[in-house]
Amino acid sequence: MKAGRIVALVFSCIFGVIGLLLLIGGIVAAVAVGVARDDDGFFRTDEIHLATDSAAITSENLDLGGTPGDASWLTDRGDFATVSLDIQSVASGEDLFAGIGPTADVETYLRSVARDRVDDFDDDRYVPVFVREEGEEEAAPPGDQTFWVAQVSTAEPAQLQWDVESGDWTIVVMNADGSRGIDADVRVGIKLEWLLPVAIGFIIVGLLLTAGGTVGAVLATRTPRAQPMPGGGGPSAPPPPPIGASSPSAPATSPPPAPEAPPPPAPDATPPPAPEAPPPPASDPREPPPPSAGTQ
């Protein structure tokens, strides 16, 4: 195989693999959009039970790059994602607070307050695993703070929504008065408006790359046809078999037909020759010769 065909085959295989991966990813994303989203367009977790005797429960910091308020072509327009937090107090009549704020401001606010940080989840039961950060002071009411970018405070089931922005953020759940002892059920959701168009784009591009790579690989591995000899002659005759190799047997043929008998000759239409006249009788030498015409 020529070097050009090898290069074409390699690139065709690469394009085919990339196209197949894009196609699979697009199909998975499209199925997720159609099956896993709720009526509001959110992908939501199962219900998570939060219970602690500390004054606050915080998430790990959500580092989305830069500092709060930095310009971003995607996140600052709210086009990247929308986060929701459904919260419900287990103890009837207990006011709960949920808020999202810059990590640095949250750390300053809760610096000397006992709190639990969600470090992981038990995958089997979806139970959060906490890391305790000790403190002795009582927390001021969270609703009095001014750094929250989204917050909700209610005794009834409520939902907090926030359009994601660039920055470093922390989610906080507390009692509305800042007291210790939290007992709540929450569900976290995220909405990605761009996911379906991207999935469709992946499917289209994946199909094109897969088809193009397949066609290119077939063309690169196809055996070229024999070229005619210069001058219009046909392809050269195959080489004779090697010495000692049995020559292919000639195909069996039927014996030639026997020649037909020639037809009998036609009768000769010419008449037979006439019989010759008998010679004159010999003269007797004793008889006298006949008289000549000139004698009288």
Protein backbone atom coordinates (compact mmCIF):
# COMPACT_ATOMS: atom_id res chain seq x y z
CA MET A 1 0.00 0.00 0.00
CA LYS A 2 1.34 3.41 -0.96
CA ALA A 3 2.23 6.02 1.66
CA GLY A 4 -0.59 8.31 0.53
CA ARG A 5 -3.15 5.57 1.03
CA ILE A 6 -1.76 4.79 4.51
CA VAL A 7 -2.03 8.45 5.56
CA ALA A 8 -5.57 8.65 4.20
CA LEU A 9 -6.52 5.47 6.07
CA VAL A 10 -5.10 6.77 9.37
CA PHE A 11 -6.94 10.10 9.15
CA SER A 12 -10.15 8.36 8.10
CA CYS A 13 -9.97 6.11 11.16
CA ILE A 14 -9.31 9.10 13.45
CA PHE A 15 -12.26 11.03 12.03
CA GLY A 16 -14.46 7.95 12.30
CA VAL A 17 -13.61 7.38 15.97
CA ILE A 18 -14.15 11.06 16.86
CA GLY A 19 -17.45 11.04 15.01
CA LEU A 20 -18.57 7.87 16.81
CA LEU A 21 -17.75 9.37 20.22
CA LEU A 22 -19.63 12.58 19.38
CA LEU A 23 -22.57 10.55 18.12
CA ILE A 24 -22.74 8.46 21.30
CA GLY A 25 -22.39 11.54 23.53
CA GLY A 26 -25.11 13.39 21.62
CA ILE A 27 -27.50 10.45 21.85
CA VAL A 28 -26.89 10.08 25.61
CA ALA A 29 -27.43 13.80 26.21
CA ALA A 30 -30.60 13.85 24.10
CA VAL A 31 -32.01 10.86 25.98
CA ALA A 32 -31.16 12.53 29.32
CA VAL A 33 -32.94 15.71 28.26
CA GLY A 34 -36.04 13.77 27.27
CA VAL A 35 -36.13 11.40 30.25
CA ALA A 36 -34.35 12.82 33.31
CA ARG A 37 -35.64 16.42 33.34
CA ASP A 38 -38.74 17.40 35.28
CA ASP A 39 -41.55 19.62 34.00
CA ASP A 40 -39.59 22.77 34.89
CA GLY A 41 -36.55 21.63 32.88
CA PHE A 42 -34.37 20.79 35.92
CA PHE A 43 -32.23 17.75 36.60
CA ARG A 44 -32.88 17.12 40.31
CA THR A 45 -31.30 14.92 42.94
CA ASP A 46 -33.28 12.65 45.21
CA GLU A 47 -34.39 14.10 48.51
CA ILE A 48 -31.46 14.69 50.88
CA HIS A 49 -32.04 14.74 54.63
CA LEU A 50 -29.89 17.27 56.50
CA ALA A 51 -29.73 16.92 60.27
CA THR A 52 -27.12 18.35 62.64
CA ASP A 53 -26.80 19.95 66.06
CA SER A 54 -24.55 22.74 64.75
CA ALA A 55 -25.66 26.21 63.62
CA ALA A 56 -25.10 25.83 59.86
CA ILE A 57 -24.60 23.32 57.05
CA THR A 58 -22.45 24.47 54.14
CA SER A 59 -21.51 23.00 50.80
CA GLU A 60 -18.02 22.72 49.44
CA ASN A 61 -17.05 25.88 47.63
CA LEU A 62 -18.24 26.08 44.02
CA ASP A 63 -15.22 27.51 42.19
CA LEU A 64 -16.45 28.81 38.82
CA GLY A 65 -13.31 30.81 38.09
CA GLY A 66 -12.29 34.37 38.87
CA THR A 67 -13.80 36.40 41.66
CA PRO A 68 -17.45 37.26 42.21
CA GLY A 69 -18.60 39.81 39.66
CA ASP A 70 -15.91 39.08 37.04
CA ALA A 71 -17.13 39.44 33.49
CA SER A 72 -17.79 36.19 31.63
CA TRP A 73 -19.38 35.78 28.20
CA LEU A 74 -21.40 32.81 29.41
CA THR A 75 -21.89 32.64 33.17
CA ASP A 76 -22.56 36.34 33.78
CA ARG A 77 -25.43 36.27 31.26
CA GLY A 78 -27.06 33.35 33.07
CA ASP A 79 -26.73 31.18 29.98
CA PHE A 80 -24.53 28.54 31.58
CA ALA A 81 -26.91 27.06 34.16
CA THR A 82 -29.63 27.77 36.69
CA VAL A 83 -29.31 26.17 40.14
CA SER A 84 -32.33 25.42 42.31
CA LEU A 85 -32.57 24.35 45.95
CA ASP A 86 -35.89 23.00 47.23
CA ILE A 87 -35.98 23.20 51.03
CA GLN A 88 -38.53 21.99 53.55
CA SER A 89 -38.39 22.02 57.34
CA VAL A 90 -38.97 18.64 59.00
CA ALA A 91 -39.95 20.28 62.30
CA SER A 92 -43.34 21.91 61.80
CA GLY A 93 -43.34 25.70 62.06
CA GLU A 94 -39.53 26.01 62.11
CA ASP A 95 -38.26 28.83 59.86
CA LEU A 96 -35.37 27.77 57.65
CA PHE A 97 -32.93 29.88 55.68
CA ALA A 98 -31.05 28.92 52.51
CA GLY A 99 -28.62 31.22 50.73
CA ILE A 100 -25.77 31.36 48.24
CA GLY A 101 -22.91 33.77 48.84
CA PRO A 102 -19.26 34.39 48.03
CA THR A 103 -17.09 31.83 49.83
CA ALA A 104 -14.86 34.48 51.42
CA ASP A 105 -17.85 36.34 52.92
CA VAL A 106 -19.44 33.10 54.18
CA GLU A 107 -16.16 32.09 55.86
CA THR A 108 -15.95 35.47 57.57
CA TYR A 109 -19.58 35.29 58.72
CA LEU A 110 -19.26 31.74 60.20
CA ARG A 111 -15.61 31.93 61.29
CA SER A 112 -16.26 31.27 65.01
CA VAL A 113 -19.55 29.37 64.62
CA ALA A 114 -19.89 25.57 64.82
CA ARG A 115 -20.89 24.25 61.40
CA ASP A 116 -20.84 21.11 59.24
CA ARG A 117 -19.50 21.02 55.69
CA VAL A 118 -20.84 18.45 53.24
CA ASP A 119 -17.75 16.53 52.14
CA ASP A 120 -19.24 13.52 50.32
CA PHE A 121 -22.35 11.39 49.88
CA ASP A 122 -23.05 7.76 50.65
CA ASP A 123 -23.95 6.56 47.15
CA ASP A 124 -26.11 3.68 48.38
CA ARG A 125 -28.43 5.77 50.58
CA TYR A 126 -27.60 9.28 49.32
CA VAL A 127 -26.76 10.36 52.87
CA PRO A 128 -24.36 13.31 53.23
CA VAL A 129 -21.04 12.87 54.98
CA PHE A 130 -20.15 15.91 57.13
CA VAL A 131 -16.87 17.43 58.23
CA ARG A 132 -17.29 19.35 61.52
CA GLU A 133 -15.69 22.79 61.94
CA GLU A 134 -15.87 23.76 65.60
CA GLY A 135 -16.83 27.16 67.01
CA GLU A 136 -18.27 28.60 70.22
CA GLU A 137 -20.09 31.74 69.14
CA GLU A 138 -23.73 32.06 68.23
CA ALA A 139 -24.48 32.98 64.62
CA ALA A 140 -26.21 36.25 63.80
CA PRO A 141 -29.48 35.83 61.84
CA PRO A 142 -28.44 35.02 58.27
CA GLY A 143 -31.18 37.17 56.76
CA ASP A 144 -29.47 40.26 58.17
CA GLN A 145 -26.39 39.69 56.01
CA THR A 146 -26.04 41.61 52.75
CA PHE A 147 -23.65 39.44 50.72
CA TRP A 148 -26.14 36.79 49.56
CA VAL A 149 -26.71 36.60 45.80
CA ALA A 150 -29.80 34.41 46.33
CA GLN A 151 -31.71 33.54 49.50
CA VAL A 152 -35.00 32.23 50.84
CA SER A 153 -36.36 32.18 54.39
CA THR A 154 -39.65 30.40 55.15
CA ALA A 155 -41.37 27.82 57.30
CA GLU A 156 -43.16 26.34 54.28
CA PRO A 157 -41.62 24.36 51.44
CA ALA A 158 -39.82 26.84 49.19
CA GLN A 159 -37.44 26.94 46.27
CA LEU A 160 -34.30 29.03 45.81
CA GLN A 161 -33.15 29.70 42.22
CA TRP A 162 -29.90 31.27 41.07
CA ASP A 163 -28.47 31.96 37.60
CA VAL A 164 -24.87 30.78 37.82
CA GLU A 165 -22.21 33.49 37.74
CA SER A 166 -18.44 33.33 37.66
CA GLY A 167 -16.81 33.30 41.07
CA ASP A 168 -16.27 31.16 44.16
CA TRP A 169 -19.54 30.39 45.92
CA THR A 170 -20.91 28.49 48.94
CA ILE A 171 -24.44 27.26 49.68
CA VAL A 172 -25.60 27.63 53.30
CA VAL A 173 -28.60 26.11 55.17
CA MET A 174 -29.42 27.46 58.65
CA ASN A 175 -32.26 28.19 60.98
CA ALA A 176 -33.66 31.62 60.20
CA ASP A 177 -32.75 32.92 63.68
CA GLY A 178 -29.21 31.44 63.56
CA SER A 179 -29.89 28.95 66.36
CA ARG A 180 -28.32 25.47 66.57
CA GLY A 181 -30.02 22.27 65.51
CA ILE A 182 -31.06 21.88 61.85
CA ASP A 183 -33.50 19.30 60.50
CA ALA A 184 -34.49 19.76 56.86
CA ASP A 185 -35.08 17.96 53.57
CA VAL A 186 -33.56 19.46 50.43
CA ARG A 187 -33.29 18.68 46.73
CA VAL A 188 -30.67 20.24 44.46
CA GLY A 189 -31.40 20.82 40.78
CA ILE A 190 -29.69 22.29 37.75
CA LYS A 191 -31.10 23.46 34.41
CA LEU A 192 -28.94 23.58 31.27
CA GLU A 193 -30.79 25.34 28.47
CA TRP A 194 -27.96 24.70 25.98
CA LEU A 195 -27.83 20.94 26.50
CA LEU A 196 -30.43 19.92 23.89
CA PRO A 197 -29.04 22.11 21.04
CA VAL A 198 -25.54 20.85 21.82
CA ALA A 199 -26.77 17.25 21.82
CA ILE A 200 -28.39 17.72 18.41
CA GLY A 201 -25.20 19.34 17.10
CA PHE A 202 -23.10 16.44 18.41
CA ILE A 203 -25.39 13.95 16.68
CA ILE A 204 -25.20 15.76 13.32
CA VAL A 205 -21.43 16.28 13.42
CA GLY A 206 -20.91 12.73 14.69
CA LEU A 207 -22.92 11.28 11.82
CA LEU A 208 -20.98 13.34 9.25
CA LEU A 209 -17.57 12.43 10.68
CA THR A 210 -18.46 8.76 11.06
CA ALA A 211 -19.79 8.52 7.51
CA GLY A 212 -16.84 10.46 6.08
CA GLY A 213 -14.31 8.35 7.96
CA THR A 214 -15.96 5.13 6.83
CA VAL A 215 -16.03 6.20 3.18
CA GLY A 216 -12.42 7.39 3.36
CA ALA A 217 -11.26 4.10 4.89
CA VAL A 218 -13.05 2.10 2.20
CA LEU A 219 -11.52 4.18 -0.59
CA ALA A 220 -8.06 3.98 0.95
CA THR A 221 -8.14 0.18 1.16
CA ARG A 222 -9.79 -0.51 -2.19
CA THR A 223 -7.58 -2.33 -4.70
CA PRO A 224 -7.05 -0.22 -7.84
CA ARG A 225 -8.12 -1.62 -11.20
CA ALA A 226 -5.49 -2.84 -13.71
CA GLN A 227 -4.47 -0.08 -16.09
CA PRO A 228 -4.39 -0.82 -19.87
CA MET A 229 -1.03 -0.99 -21.62
CA PRO A 230 0.10 2.12 -23.51
CA GLY A 231 -1.17 2.14 -27.08
CA GLY A 232 -4.61 0.85 -26.32
CA GLY A 233 -3.61 -2.74 -25.57
CA GLY A 234 -5.46 -4.68 -22.97
CA PRO A 235 -3.99 -5.90 -19.67
CA SER A 236 -0.96 -8.15 -19.89
CA ALA A 237 -1.43 -11.89 -19.92
CA PRO A 238 -1.01 -13.70 -16.60
CA PRO A 239 2.43 -15.22 -15.96
CA PRO A 240 2.90 -18.94 -16.68
CA PRO A 241 2.56 -21.31 -13.75
CA PRO A 242 5.78 -22.20 -11.90
CA ILE A 243 7.74 -25.25 -12.95
CA GLY A 244 6.37 -28.39 -11.39
CA ALA A 245 2.97 -26.94 -10.79
CA SER A 246 0.14 -28.75 -12.41
CA SER A 247 -1.42 -26.80 -15.19
CA PRO A 248 -5.13 -26.25 -14.93
CA SER A 249 -7.07 -28.84 -16.84
CA ALA A 250 -8.78 -27.69 -19.97
CA PRO A 251 -12.52 -27.64 -19.76
CA ALA A 252 -14.17 -30.76 -21.12
CA THR A 253 -15.55 -30.35 -24.63
CA SER A 254 -17.82 -32.60 -26.67
CA PRO A 255 -16.28 -34.42 -29.73
CA PRO A 256 -16.76 -32.70 -33.08
CA PRO A 257 -19.67 -34.00 -35.15
CA ALA A 258 -18.92 -36.57 -37.90
CA PRO A 259 -18.75 -35.10 -41.41
CA GLU A 260 -21.78 -35.69 -43.58
CA ALA A 261 -21.50 -38.08 -46.62
CA PRO A 262 -21.13 -36.21 -49.92
CA PRO A 263 -24.19 -36.39 -52.20
CA PRO A 264 -24.03 -38.81 -55.19
CA PRO A 265 -22.79 -37.21 -58.45
CA ALA A 266 -25.41 -36.09 -60.92
CA PRO A 267 -25.70 -38.24 -64.15
CA ASP A 268 -23.72 -36.92 -67.16
CA ALA A 269 -26.12 -35.39 -69.64
CA THR A 270 -23.75 -35.69 -72.72
CA PRO A 271 -24.61 -38.56 -75.20
CA PRO A 272 -22.16 -41.42 -75.58
CA PRO A 273 -19.78 -41.16 -78.59
CA ALA A 274 -20.94 -42.75 -81.90
CA PRO A 275 -19.27 -46.07 -82.94
CA GLU A 276 -16.38 -45.71 -85.32
CA ALA A 277 -16.90 -46.90 -89.02
CA PRO A 278 -15.12 -50.12 -89.87
CA PRO A 279 -12.02 -49.74 -92.00
CA PRO A 280 -12.37 -50.51 -95.78
CA PRO A 281 -11.51 -54.03 -96.81
CA ALA A 282 -8.04 -54.63 -98.08
CA SER A 283 -7.73 -54.86 -101.94
CA ASP A 284 -6.58 -58.01 -103.70
CA PRO A 285 -3.16 -57.51 -105.30
CA ARG A 286 -4.21 -59.69 -108.23
CA GLU A 287 -6.95 -57.40 -109.28
CA PRO A 288 -5.98 -54.65 -111.63
CA PRO A 289 -6.07 -51.08 -110.36
CA PRO A 290 -8.99 -49.01 -111.39
CA PRO A 291 -8.55 -46.93 -114.43
CA SER A 292 -7.48 -43.39 -113.89
CA ALA A 293 -9.64 -40.59 -115.03
CA GLY A 294 -7.26 -39.35 -117.74
CA THR A 295 -7.21 -42.52 -119.86
CA GLN A 296 -9.67 -43.16 -122.63
